[in-house]
Amino acid sequence: MTPYVLLLHGHTGSGPRHWQSWLAGELANVGGAVDIPQLTDPDRPDLEVWLGELRHHLDAAPRAGERVLLAHSCGALLWLHHAARTAGSDAVPRFDRVLLVAPPGPRWTHPDVHGFTPAPLDAGGVRRVAGWTQLVVGEDDETCPVDDAVAMAAALRIDLDVIPGGAHLNTDAGYGPWPAVREWVDDRQARLGANHITRNP
């Protein structure tokens, strides 16, 4: 049975040729339930606004069945901020699996993006909001060098996949159709990159 899938875009959004749009179409074609919200002003994202919108979509997610979230770039950072703010919350909507795709590293800056970096690396928070979390980055992503990705995965105690030549894993890098991520939606054991580091206990 296809899980419910929530897709979070990053800075500038996900256009029609982006892998998130492709994945939404692939899942819809087999009757999957997909939510791909357009967060406010993606060219100039506001963290607090996006957090409020994320909570709305989490509250609207179905309670029955498997729930999977895939977040790209600043959407992945948004999820980390959300996770870190759940301490003491009694009713935190929890997902079964989360894939963080190409989150910018702590040294990344952009004149139109404020408050997202450095993202909090709260391993406990990540476990409160999801049963399984995984990170995937491109080996040559200028927004997040592999060393930063390794440090992020170690701090969060999550698995890391590194894709040679993957860059920012966006449309400019050819992602586009991405069969491996479609496989991951059905099976978290599916490998996304040639290099895999296991961190989860």
N, C-alpha and C. Protein backbone atom coordinates (compact mmCIF):
# COMPACT_ATOMS: atom_id res chain seq x y z
N MET A 1 0.85 -1.20 0.00
CA MET A 1 0.00 0.00 0.00
C MET A 1 0.88 1.25 0.00
N THR A 2 0.59 2.19 -0.89
CA THR A 2 1.39 3.40 -0.99
C THR A 2 1.13 4.30 0.22
N PRO A 3 2.17 4.79 0.89
CA PRO A 3 1.97 5.64 2.07
C PRO A 3 1.49 7.03 1.69
N TYR A 4 0.99 7.75 2.67
CA TYR A 4 0.76 9.18 2.50
C TYR A 4 2.12 9.87 2.45
N VAL A 5 2.30 10.79 1.50
CA VAL A 5 3.59 11.45 1.31
C VAL A 5 3.42 12.96 1.34
N LEU A 6 4.21 13.62 2.18
CA LEU A 6 4.27 15.07 2.25
C LEU A 6 5.62 15.52 1.70
N LEU A 7 5.59 16.44 0.73
CA LEU A 7 6.80 16.94 0.08
C LEU A 7 6.99 18.41 0.43
N LEU A 8 8.15 18.74 0.99
CA LEU A 8 8.47 20.12 1.36
C LEU A 8 9.54 20.66 0.42
N HIS A 9 9.20 21.72 -0.29
CA HIS A 9 10.17 22.33 -1.20
C HIS A 9 11.12 23.26 -0.44
N GLY A 10 12.14 23.71 -1.15
CA GLY A 10 13.13 24.60 -0.57
C GLY A 10 13.02 26.01 -1.12
N HIS A 11 14.11 26.75 -0.98
CA HIS A 11 14.20 28.12 -1.48
C HIS A 11 13.93 28.13 -2.99
N THR A 12 13.07 29.01 -3.42
CA THR A 12 12.59 29.20 -4.80
C THR A 12 11.57 28.16 -5.23
N GLY A 13 11.26 27.19 -4.39
CA GLY A 13 10.21 26.23 -4.70
C GLY A 13 10.69 25.08 -5.58
N SER A 14 9.73 24.25 -5.98
CA SER A 14 10.01 23.12 -6.86
C SER A 14 9.15 23.26 -8.11
N GLY A 15 9.79 23.52 -9.24
CA GLY A 15 9.06 23.71 -10.48
C GLY A 15 8.58 22.40 -11.07
N PRO A 16 7.93 22.46 -12.24
CA PRO A 16 7.34 21.26 -12.84
C PRO A 16 8.35 20.20 -13.25
N ARG A 17 9.62 20.58 -13.42
CA ARG A 17 10.64 19.60 -13.83
C ARG A 17 11.45 19.08 -12.65
N HIS A 18 11.13 19.53 -11.45
CA HIS A 18 11.85 19.12 -10.24
C HIS A 18 11.45 17.70 -9.84
N TRP A 19 12.35 16.98 -9.16
CA TRP A 19 12.04 15.61 -8.77
C TRP A 19 10.83 15.51 -7.85
N GLN A 20 10.58 16.56 -7.07
CA GLN A 20 9.40 16.49 -6.20
C GLN A 20 8.12 16.47 -7.01
N SER A 21 8.06 17.29 -8.06
CA SER A 21 6.88 17.29 -8.93
C SER A 21 6.76 15.96 -9.66
N TRP A 22 7.90 15.43 -10.13
CA TRP A 22 7.90 14.13 -10.79
C TRP A 22 7.40 13.05 -9.84
N LEU A 23 7.90 13.06 -8.60
CA LEU A 23 7.51 12.05 -7.62
C LEU A 23 6.03 12.15 -7.29
N ALA A 24 5.53 13.37 -7.14
CA ALA A 24 4.10 13.55 -6.86
C ALA A 24 3.26 12.94 -7.97
N GLY A 25 3.68 13.13 -9.21
CA GLY A 25 2.95 12.55 -10.33
C GLY A 25 3.01 11.04 -10.34
N GLU A 26 4.20 10.49 -10.05
CA GLU A 26 4.37 9.04 -10.03
C GLU A 26 3.47 8.42 -8.95
N LEU A 27 3.41 9.03 -7.79
CA LEU A 27 2.60 8.49 -6.70
C LEU A 27 1.11 8.65 -6.99
N ALA A 28 0.73 9.79 -7.57
CA ALA A 28 -0.68 10.00 -7.91
C ALA A 28 -1.16 8.99 -8.94
N ASN A 29 -0.26 8.60 -9.84
CA ASN A 29 -0.62 7.64 -10.89
C ASN A 29 -0.98 6.27 -10.34
N VAL A 30 -0.50 5.95 -9.13
CA VAL A 30 -0.84 4.65 -8.52
C VAL A 30 -1.82 4.84 -7.35
N GLY A 31 -2.48 6.00 -7.34
CA GLY A 31 -3.50 6.24 -6.33
C GLY A 31 -2.97 6.68 -4.98
N GLY A 32 -1.73 7.13 -4.94
CA GLY A 32 -1.15 7.56 -3.68
C GLY A 32 -1.68 8.91 -3.23
N ALA A 33 -1.69 9.12 -1.92
CA ALA A 33 -2.09 10.40 -1.34
C ALA A 33 -0.84 11.26 -1.16
N VAL A 34 -0.79 12.39 -1.85
CA VAL A 34 0.39 13.24 -1.85
C VAL A 34 -0.01 14.67 -1.52
N ASP A 35 0.75 15.30 -0.64
CA ASP A 35 0.56 16.72 -0.34
C ASP A 35 1.86 17.42 -0.69
N ILE A 36 1.80 18.38 -1.63
CA ILE A 36 2.99 19.13 -2.03
C ILE A 36 2.65 20.62 -1.91
N PRO A 37 2.66 21.13 -0.68
CA PRO A 37 2.22 22.51 -0.46
C PRO A 37 3.17 23.53 -1.07
N GLN A 38 2.60 24.65 -1.50
CA GLN A 38 3.37 25.79 -1.96
C GLN A 38 3.50 26.73 -0.76
N LEU A 39 4.67 26.74 -0.13
CA LEU A 39 4.89 27.58 1.04
C LEU A 39 5.02 29.04 0.60
N THR A 40 4.66 29.94 1.50
CA THR A 40 4.58 31.37 1.17
C THR A 40 5.92 31.95 0.73
N ASP A 41 5.89 32.70 -0.37
CA ASP A 41 7.02 33.49 -0.87
C ASP A 41 8.32 32.68 -0.87
N PRO A 42 8.39 31.61 -1.68
CA PRO A 42 9.58 30.76 -1.66
C PRO A 42 10.87 31.47 -2.07
N ASP A 43 10.75 32.57 -2.80
CA ASP A 43 11.96 33.31 -3.17
C ASP A 43 12.57 34.06 -1.99
N ARG A 44 11.73 34.37 -1.00
CA ARG A 44 12.19 35.06 0.21
C ARG A 44 11.56 34.39 1.43
N PRO A 45 11.96 33.17 1.72
CA PRO A 45 11.27 32.41 2.78
C PRO A 45 11.45 33.01 4.17
N ASP A 46 10.37 32.97 4.92
CA ASP A 46 10.38 33.41 6.31
C ASP A 46 10.20 32.18 7.18
N LEU A 47 11.17 31.89 8.03
CA LEU A 47 11.15 30.67 8.82
C LEU A 47 9.88 30.55 9.66
N GLU A 48 9.49 31.60 10.34
CA GLU A 48 8.33 31.51 11.23
C GLU A 48 7.05 31.28 10.45
N VAL A 49 6.93 31.93 9.29
CA VAL A 49 5.76 31.72 8.45
C VAL A 49 5.71 30.27 7.97
N TRP A 50 6.86 29.78 7.51
CA TRP A 50 6.91 28.41 7.01
C TRP A 50 6.64 27.40 8.12
N LEU A 51 7.12 27.66 9.32
CA LEU A 51 6.84 26.75 10.44
C LEU A 51 5.35 26.67 10.72
N GLY A 52 4.67 27.80 10.68
CA GLY A 52 3.23 27.80 10.90
C GLY A 52 2.50 27.03 9.81
N GLU A 53 2.93 27.19 8.57
CA GLU A 53 2.30 26.47 7.47
C GLU A 53 2.60 24.97 7.56
N LEU A 54 3.81 24.63 7.97
CA LEU A 54 4.15 23.22 8.14
C LEU A 54 3.25 22.58 9.19
N ARG A 55 3.06 23.24 10.31
CA ARG A 55 2.21 22.68 11.36
C ARG A 55 0.79 22.44 10.85
N HIS A 56 0.30 23.36 10.03
CA HIS A 56 -1.04 23.19 9.45
C HIS A 56 -1.11 21.92 8.61
N HIS A 57 -0.11 21.69 7.79
CA HIS A 57 -0.11 20.49 6.93
C HIS A 57 0.10 19.22 7.75
N LEU A 58 0.89 19.30 8.80
CA LEU A 58 1.07 18.14 9.67
C LEU A 58 -0.23 17.78 10.38
N ASP A 59 -0.95 18.79 10.84
CA ASP A 59 -2.22 18.54 11.52
C ASP A 59 -3.25 17.95 10.56
N ALA A 60 -3.14 18.30 9.27
CA ALA A 60 -4.10 17.83 8.27
C ALA A 60 -3.76 16.45 7.72
N ALA A 61 -2.57 15.95 8.04
CA ALA A 61 -2.14 14.65 7.51
C ALA A 61 -3.00 13.53 8.10
N PRO A 62 -3.27 12.50 7.32
CA PRO A 62 -4.09 11.39 7.84
C PRO A 62 -3.40 10.71 9.02
N ARG A 63 -4.20 10.24 9.96
CA ARG A 63 -3.66 9.59 11.15
C ARG A 63 -3.43 8.09 10.93
N ALA A 64 -4.17 7.52 10.00
CA ALA A 64 -4.06 6.09 9.74
C ALA A 64 -3.07 5.83 8.60
N GLY A 65 -2.39 4.70 8.66
CA GLY A 65 -1.47 4.31 7.60
C GLY A 65 -0.09 4.93 7.77
N GLU A 66 0.82 4.51 6.90
CA GLU A 66 2.19 4.99 6.96
C GLU A 66 2.28 6.41 6.42
N ARG A 67 3.10 7.22 7.07
CA ARG A 67 3.27 8.61 6.66
C ARG A 67 4.75 8.87 6.41
N VAL A 68 5.03 9.45 5.25
CA VAL A 68 6.40 9.66 4.79
C VAL A 68 6.56 11.12 4.38
N LEU A 69 7.68 11.71 4.75
CA LEU A 69 7.98 13.10 4.39
C LEU A 69 9.32 13.17 3.69
N LEU A 70 9.36 13.91 2.58
CA LEU A 70 10.61 14.17 1.86
C LEU A 70 10.76 15.68 1.73
N ALA A 71 11.88 16.20 2.20
CA ALA A 71 12.10 17.64 2.22
C ALA A 71 13.40 17.98 1.51
N HIS A 72 13.36 18.99 0.65
CA HIS A 72 14.53 19.37 -0.12
C HIS A 72 15.07 20.73 0.33
N SER A 73 16.39 20.82 0.46
CA SER A 73 17.10 22.08 0.68
C SER A 73 16.57 22.81 1.92
N CYS A 74 16.07 24.03 1.77
CA CYS A 74 15.57 24.78 2.93
C CYS A 74 14.35 24.10 3.55
N GLY A 75 13.65 23.27 2.77
CA GLY A 75 12.57 22.48 3.36
C GLY A 75 13.09 21.49 4.39
N ALA A 76 14.29 20.94 4.13
CA ALA A 76 14.92 20.04 5.10
C ALA A 76 15.33 20.80 6.36
N LEU A 77 15.84 22.02 6.17
CA LEU A 77 16.19 22.84 7.33
C LEU A 77 14.94 23.20 8.13
N LEU A 78 13.85 23.48 7.41
CA LEU A 78 12.58 23.76 8.07
C LEU A 78 12.19 22.61 8.98
N TRP A 79 12.34 21.38 8.49
CA TRP A 79 11.99 20.21 9.29
C TRP A 79 12.86 20.11 10.54
N LEU A 80 14.14 20.43 10.42
CA LEU A 80 15.04 20.37 11.57
C LEU A 80 14.65 21.43 12.62
N HIS A 81 14.27 22.61 12.16
CA HIS A 81 13.80 23.64 13.10
C HIS A 81 12.52 23.17 13.79
N HIS A 82 11.61 22.59 13.03
CA HIS A 82 10.37 22.06 13.61
C HIS A 82 10.68 21.00 14.67
N ALA A 83 11.57 20.07 14.33
CA ALA A 83 11.90 18.99 15.26
C ALA A 83 12.47 19.53 16.56
N ALA A 84 13.32 20.55 16.46
CA ALA A 84 13.97 21.10 17.65
C ALA A 84 12.99 21.83 18.56
N ARG A 85 11.84 22.23 18.03
CA ARG A 85 10.87 22.99 18.82
C ARG A 85 9.78 22.12 19.43
N THR A 86 9.93 20.81 19.32
CA THR A 86 8.87 19.92 19.82
C THR A 86 9.08 19.49 21.26
N ALA A 87 10.17 19.89 21.90
CA ALA A 87 10.41 19.49 23.29
C ALA A 87 9.25 19.94 24.17
N GLY A 88 8.73 19.02 24.97
CA GLY A 88 7.64 19.34 25.87
C GLY A 88 6.27 19.32 25.24
N SER A 89 6.19 19.07 23.93
CA SER A 89 4.90 19.01 23.26
C SER A 89 4.26 17.65 23.50
N ASP A 90 2.98 17.67 23.83
CA ASP A 90 2.28 16.42 24.13
C ASP A 90 1.75 15.72 22.88
N ALA A 91 1.40 16.50 21.87
CA ALA A 91 0.77 15.91 20.68
C ALA A 91 1.53 16.34 19.43
N VAL A 92 2.69 15.77 19.24
CA VAL A 92 3.50 16.08 18.07
C VAL A 92 3.14 15.11 16.95
N PRO A 93 2.64 15.61 15.81
CA PRO A 93 2.37 14.70 14.69
C PRO A 93 3.67 14.00 14.27
N ARG A 94 3.62 12.67 14.22
CA ARG A 94 4.84 11.90 13.99
C ARG A 94 4.74 11.18 12.65
N PHE A 95 5.83 11.21 11.90
CA PHE A 95 5.90 10.51 10.63
C PHE A 95 6.70 9.22 10.81
N ASP A 96 6.41 8.27 9.95
CA ASP A 96 7.13 7.00 10.02
C ASP A 96 8.54 7.15 9.48
N ARG A 97 8.67 7.88 8.36
CA ARG A 97 9.98 8.04 7.73
C ARG A 97 10.13 9.45 7.18
N VAL A 98 11.37 9.95 7.25
CA VAL A 98 11.69 11.28 6.72
C VAL A 98 12.98 11.20 5.92
N LEU A 99 12.99 11.81 4.75
CA LEU A 99 14.21 11.93 3.95
C LEU A 99 14.56 13.40 3.80
N LEU A 100 15.73 13.76 4.32
CA LEU A 100 16.24 15.13 4.21
C LEU A 100 17.19 15.18 3.02
N VAL A 101 16.81 15.93 1.99
CA VAL A 101 17.55 15.96 0.73
C VAL A 101 18.29 17.29 0.59
N ALA A 102 19.61 17.23 0.54
CA ALA A 102 20.46 18.39 0.26
C ALA A 102 20.20 19.60 1.16
N PRO A 103 20.14 19.42 2.48
CA PRO A 103 19.99 20.59 3.34
C PRO A 103 21.27 21.43 3.31
N PRO A 104 21.16 22.74 3.14
CA PRO A 104 22.37 23.57 3.17
C PRO A 104 23.09 23.46 4.51
N GLY A 105 24.41 23.53 4.45
CA GLY A 105 25.21 23.41 5.65
C GLY A 105 25.23 24.69 6.47
N PRO A 106 25.88 24.65 7.62
CA PRO A 106 25.83 25.78 8.56
C PRO A 106 26.50 27.05 8.04
N ARG A 107 27.39 26.91 7.05
CA ARG A 107 28.08 28.10 6.53
C ARG A 107 27.40 28.71 5.32
N TRP A 108 26.32 28.09 4.86
CA TRP A 108 25.62 28.60 3.67
C TRP A 108 24.84 29.85 4.01
N THR A 109 24.91 30.84 3.15
CA THR A 109 24.12 32.06 3.31
C THR A 109 23.53 32.46 1.98
N HIS A 110 22.44 33.19 2.03
CA HIS A 110 21.81 33.75 0.83
C HIS A 110 21.13 35.05 1.25
N PRO A 111 21.25 36.10 0.46
CA PRO A 111 20.70 37.40 0.89
C PRO A 111 19.19 37.40 1.10
N ASP A 112 18.48 36.45 0.48
CA ASP A 112 17.02 36.41 0.61
C ASP A 112 16.52 35.35 1.58
N VAL A 113 17.44 34.66 2.24
CA VAL A 113 17.07 33.59 3.16
C VAL A 113 17.63 33.91 4.54
N HIS A 114 16.75 34.04 5.51
CA HIS A 114 17.18 34.42 6.86
C HIS A 114 16.58 33.47 7.89
N GLY A 115 17.40 33.09 8.86
CA GLY A 115 16.91 32.31 9.99
C GLY A 115 16.95 30.81 9.82
N PHE A 116 17.28 30.33 8.63
CA PHE A 116 17.27 28.89 8.39
C PHE A 116 18.59 28.23 8.79
N THR A 117 19.70 28.94 8.61
CA THR A 117 21.00 28.37 8.95
C THR A 117 21.65 29.22 10.04
N PRO A 118 22.44 28.56 10.90
CA PRO A 118 22.61 27.10 10.98
C PRO A 118 21.38 26.45 11.59
N ALA A 119 21.02 25.30 11.06
CA ALA A 119 19.85 24.59 11.57
C ALA A 119 20.20 23.88 12.87
N PRO A 120 19.25 23.78 13.80
CA PRO A 120 19.50 23.04 15.03
C PRO A 120 19.64 21.55 14.74
N LEU A 121 20.62 20.93 15.35
CA LEU A 121 20.85 19.50 15.15
C LEU A 121 20.46 18.77 16.43
N ASP A 122 19.17 18.60 16.61
CA ASP A 122 18.59 18.04 17.83
C ASP A 122 18.21 16.59 17.55
N ALA A 123 19.08 15.66 17.93
CA ALA A 123 18.83 14.25 17.65
C ALA A 123 17.55 13.76 18.34
N GLY A 124 17.32 14.22 19.57
CA GLY A 124 16.11 13.84 20.28
C GLY A 124 14.86 14.35 19.58
N GLY A 125 14.93 15.59 19.10
CA GLY A 125 13.79 16.16 18.38
C GLY A 125 13.49 15.40 17.11
N VAL A 126 14.55 15.03 16.38
CA VAL A 126 14.37 14.27 15.15
C VAL A 126 13.66 12.95 15.44
N ARG A 127 13.97 12.33 16.57
CA ARG A 127 13.33 11.07 16.92
C ARG A 127 11.90 11.27 17.43
N ARG A 128 11.63 12.45 17.97
CA ARG A 128 10.24 12.71 18.39
C ARG A 128 9.30 12.84 17.19
N VAL A 129 9.82 13.36 16.09
CA VAL A 129 8.93 13.67 14.96
C VAL A 129 8.93 12.59 13.88
N ALA A 130 9.82 11.61 13.97
CA ALA A 130 9.84 10.56 12.95
C ALA A 130 10.46 9.28 13.51
N GLY A 131 9.95 8.15 13.03
CA GLY A 131 10.52 6.87 13.43
C GLY A 131 11.86 6.61 12.77
N TRP A 132 12.06 7.12 11.58
CA TRP A 132 13.31 6.91 10.83
C TRP A 132 13.60 8.18 10.04
N THR A 133 14.82 8.67 10.14
CA THR A 133 15.23 9.85 9.37
C THR A 133 16.53 9.54 8.65
N GLN A 134 16.63 9.98 7.43
CA GLN A 134 17.80 9.72 6.60
C GLN A 134 18.18 10.99 5.85
N LEU A 135 19.47 11.14 5.57
CA LEU A 135 20.01 12.31 4.89
C LEU A 135 20.66 11.87 3.59
N VAL A 136 20.42 12.63 2.52
CA VAL A 136 21.09 12.35 1.24
C VAL A 136 21.59 13.68 0.67
N VAL A 137 22.85 13.67 0.21
CA VAL A 137 23.46 14.87 -0.35
C VAL A 137 24.24 14.51 -1.61
N GLY A 138 24.49 15.53 -2.42
CA GLY A 138 25.38 15.37 -3.56
C GLY A 138 26.82 15.58 -3.13
N GLU A 139 27.71 14.79 -3.68
CA GLU A 139 29.12 14.87 -3.29
C GLU A 139 29.71 16.24 -3.57
N ASP A 140 29.20 16.93 -4.58
CA ASP A 140 29.74 18.21 -5.02
C ASP A 140 28.76 19.36 -4.81
N ASP A 141 27.94 19.27 -3.77
CA ASP A 141 26.96 20.32 -3.47
C ASP A 141 27.66 21.50 -2.81
N GLU A 142 27.65 22.65 -3.48
CA GLU A 142 28.31 23.83 -2.94
C GLU A 142 27.62 24.37 -1.69
N THR A 143 26.34 24.04 -1.50
CA THR A 143 25.65 24.54 -0.32
C THR A 143 25.95 23.71 0.93
N CYS A 144 26.44 22.50 0.72
CA CYS A 144 26.73 21.62 1.86
C CYS A 144 27.86 20.67 1.52
N PRO A 145 29.11 21.05 1.80
CA PRO A 145 30.23 20.13 1.57
C PRO A 145 30.02 18.81 2.31
N VAL A 146 30.59 17.75 1.77
CA VAL A 146 30.40 16.42 2.36
C VAL A 146 30.82 16.39 3.83
N ASP A 147 31.89 17.10 4.18
CA ASP A 147 32.31 17.12 5.59
C ASP A 147 31.20 17.66 6.49
N ASP A 148 30.49 18.70 6.01
CA ASP A 148 29.38 19.24 6.80
C ASP A 148 28.24 18.24 6.88
N ALA A 149 27.98 17.53 5.79
CA ALA A 149 26.91 16.53 5.79
C ALA A 149 27.24 15.39 6.75
N VAL A 150 28.50 14.95 6.76
CA VAL A 150 28.91 13.88 7.67
C VAL A 150 28.74 14.34 9.12
N ALA A 151 29.12 15.57 9.41
CA ALA A 151 28.97 16.10 10.77
C ALA A 151 27.50 16.21 11.14
N MET A 152 26.66 16.62 10.21
CA MET A 152 25.23 16.72 10.46
C MET A 152 24.63 15.35 10.77
N ALA A 153 24.96 14.36 9.94
CA ALA A 153 24.45 13.01 10.15
C ALA A 153 24.92 12.44 11.49
N ALA A 154 26.18 12.70 11.85
CA ALA A 154 26.70 12.20 13.12
C ALA A 154 25.99 12.85 14.30
N ALA A 155 25.76 14.17 14.21
CA ALA A 155 25.09 14.87 15.31
C ALA A 155 23.65 14.40 15.48
N LEU A 156 22.98 14.13 14.37
CA LEU A 156 21.59 13.69 14.42
C LEU A 156 21.44 12.19 14.61
N ARG A 157 22.57 11.47 14.44
CA ARG A 157 22.59 10.01 14.54
C ARG A 157 21.65 9.38 13.51
N ILE A 158 21.82 9.80 12.26
CA ILE A 158 21.00 9.29 11.16
C ILE A 158 21.90 8.80 10.03
N ASP A 159 21.32 7.99 9.14
CA ASP A 159 22.04 7.49 7.99
C ASP A 159 22.29 8.60 6.98
N LEU A 160 23.38 8.43 6.22
CA LEU A 160 23.75 9.40 5.19
C LEU A 160 24.06 8.67 3.90
N ASP A 161 23.47 9.14 2.79
CA ASP A 161 23.83 8.70 1.45
C ASP A 161 24.48 9.86 0.72
N VAL A 162 25.59 9.59 0.03
CA VAL A 162 26.29 10.61 -0.76
C VAL A 162 26.27 10.18 -2.22
N ILE A 163 25.76 11.06 -3.08
CA ILE A 163 25.61 10.75 -4.49
C ILE A 163 26.70 11.45 -5.29
N PRO A 164 27.62 10.70 -5.89
CA PRO A 164 28.66 11.31 -6.72
C PRO A 164 28.03 12.13 -7.86
N GLY A 165 28.50 13.36 -8.02
CA GLY A 165 28.00 14.22 -9.09
C GLY A 165 26.59 14.70 -8.90
N GLY A 166 26.04 14.54 -7.69
CA GLY A 166 24.64 14.90 -7.46
C GLY A 166 24.39 16.38 -7.27
N ALA A 167 25.47 17.15 -6.99
CA ALA A 167 25.34 18.59 -6.73
C ALA A 167 24.20 18.84 -5.72
N HIS A 168 23.31 19.78 -6.01
CA HIS A 168 22.26 20.14 -5.04
C HIS A 168 21.01 19.28 -5.19
N LEU A 169 21.09 18.24 -6.00
CA LEU A 169 19.96 17.31 -6.19
C LEU A 169 18.69 18.06 -6.55
N ASN A 170 18.85 18.97 -7.51
CA ASN A 170 17.73 19.77 -7.98
C ASN A 170 17.62 19.67 -9.50
N THR A 171 16.78 20.49 -10.07
CA THR A 171 16.58 20.46 -11.52
C THR A 171 17.87 20.75 -12.28
N ASP A 172 18.63 21.73 -11.81
CA ASP A 172 19.89 22.07 -12.49
C ASP A 172 20.85 20.89 -12.52
N ALA A 173 20.75 20.00 -11.54
CA ALA A 173 21.64 18.84 -11.48
C ALA A 173 21.05 17.61 -12.18
N GLY A 174 19.87 17.78 -12.79
CA GLY A 174 19.27 16.69 -13.53
C GLY A 174 18.24 15.87 -12.79
N TYR A 175 17.79 16.36 -11.64
CA TYR A 175 16.79 15.65 -10.81
C TYR A 175 15.50 16.47 -10.79
N GLY A 176 14.65 16.36 -11.77
CA GLY A 176 14.18 15.42 -12.71
C GLY A 176 13.69 14.09 -12.15
N PRO A 177 13.33 13.25 -13.12
CA PRO A 177 13.02 11.87 -12.73
C PRO A 177 14.13 11.28 -11.86
N TRP A 178 13.73 10.66 -10.75
CA TRP A 178 14.69 10.10 -9.80
C TRP A 178 14.14 8.77 -9.30
N PRO A 179 14.32 7.70 -10.07
CA PRO A 179 13.74 6.41 -9.70
C PRO A 179 14.13 5.93 -8.30
N ALA A 180 15.36 6.21 -7.86
CA ALA A 180 15.81 5.73 -6.56
C ALA A 180 14.97 6.31 -5.43
N VAL A 181 14.58 7.56 -5.56
CA VAL A 181 13.79 8.17 -4.48
C VAL A 181 12.37 7.60 -4.49
N ARG A 182 11.89 7.24 -5.67
CA ARG A 182 10.58 6.57 -5.74
C ARG A 182 10.66 5.21 -5.04
N GLU A 183 11.75 4.50 -5.22
CA GLU A 183 11.94 3.22 -4.53
C GLU A 183 12.01 3.41 -3.02
N TRP A 184 12.67 4.51 -2.59
CA TRP A 184 12.81 4.77 -1.16
C TRP A 184 11.46 5.00 -0.50
N VAL A 185 10.53 5.61 -1.22
CA VAL A 185 9.19 5.83 -0.66
C VAL A 185 8.57 4.50 -0.24
N ASP A 186 8.81 3.46 -1.01
CA ASP A 186 8.25 2.14 -0.70
C ASP A 186 9.12 1.34 0.26
N ASP A 187 10.42 1.65 0.30
CA ASP A 187 11.35 0.83 1.08
C ASP A 187 12.53 1.67 1.54
N ARG A 188 12.60 1.93 2.84
CA ARG A 188 13.68 2.79 3.36
C ARG A 188 15.06 2.15 3.22
N GLN A 189 15.10 0.86 2.92
CA GLN A 189 16.39 0.20 2.71
C GLN A 189 16.96 0.50 1.32
N ALA A 190 16.17 1.08 0.44
CA ALA A 190 16.66 1.41 -0.90
C ALA A 190 17.79 2.42 -0.80
N ARG A 191 18.89 2.14 -1.49
CA ARG A 191 20.04 3.01 -1.44
C ARG A 191 19.90 4.13 -2.47
N LEU A 192 20.22 5.33 -2.03
CA LEU A 192 20.09 6.50 -2.88
C LEU A 192 21.42 6.92 -3.49
N GLY A 193 22.52 6.52 -2.87
CA GLY A 193 23.82 6.94 -3.36
C GLY A 193 24.83 5.82 -3.30
N ALA A 194 25.95 6.03 -3.96
CA ALA A 194 27.01 5.01 -3.99
C ALA A 194 27.67 4.85 -2.63
N ASN A 195 27.72 5.93 -1.87
CA ASN A 195 28.36 5.90 -0.55
C ASN A 195 27.29 6.02 0.53
N HIS A 196 27.32 5.08 1.48
CA HIS A 196 26.30 5.04 2.52
C HIS A 196 26.97 4.89 3.88
N ILE A 197 26.58 5.77 4.81
CA ILE A 197 27.10 5.72 6.18
C ILE A 197 25.93 5.46 7.11
N THR A 198 25.98 4.36 7.86
CA THR A 198 24.90 4.01 8.77
C THR A 198 25.15 4.64 10.12
N ARG A 199 24.17 5.39 10.60
CA ARG A 199 24.25 6.04 11.92
C ARG A 199 23.15 5.59 12.85
N ASN A 200 21.99 5.21 12.27
CA ASN A 200 20.85 4.86 13.12
C ASN A 200 21.17 3.63 13.96
N PRO A 201 20.74 3.62 15.22
CA PRO A 201 20.96 2.44 16.06
C PRO A 201 20.09 1.29 15.59
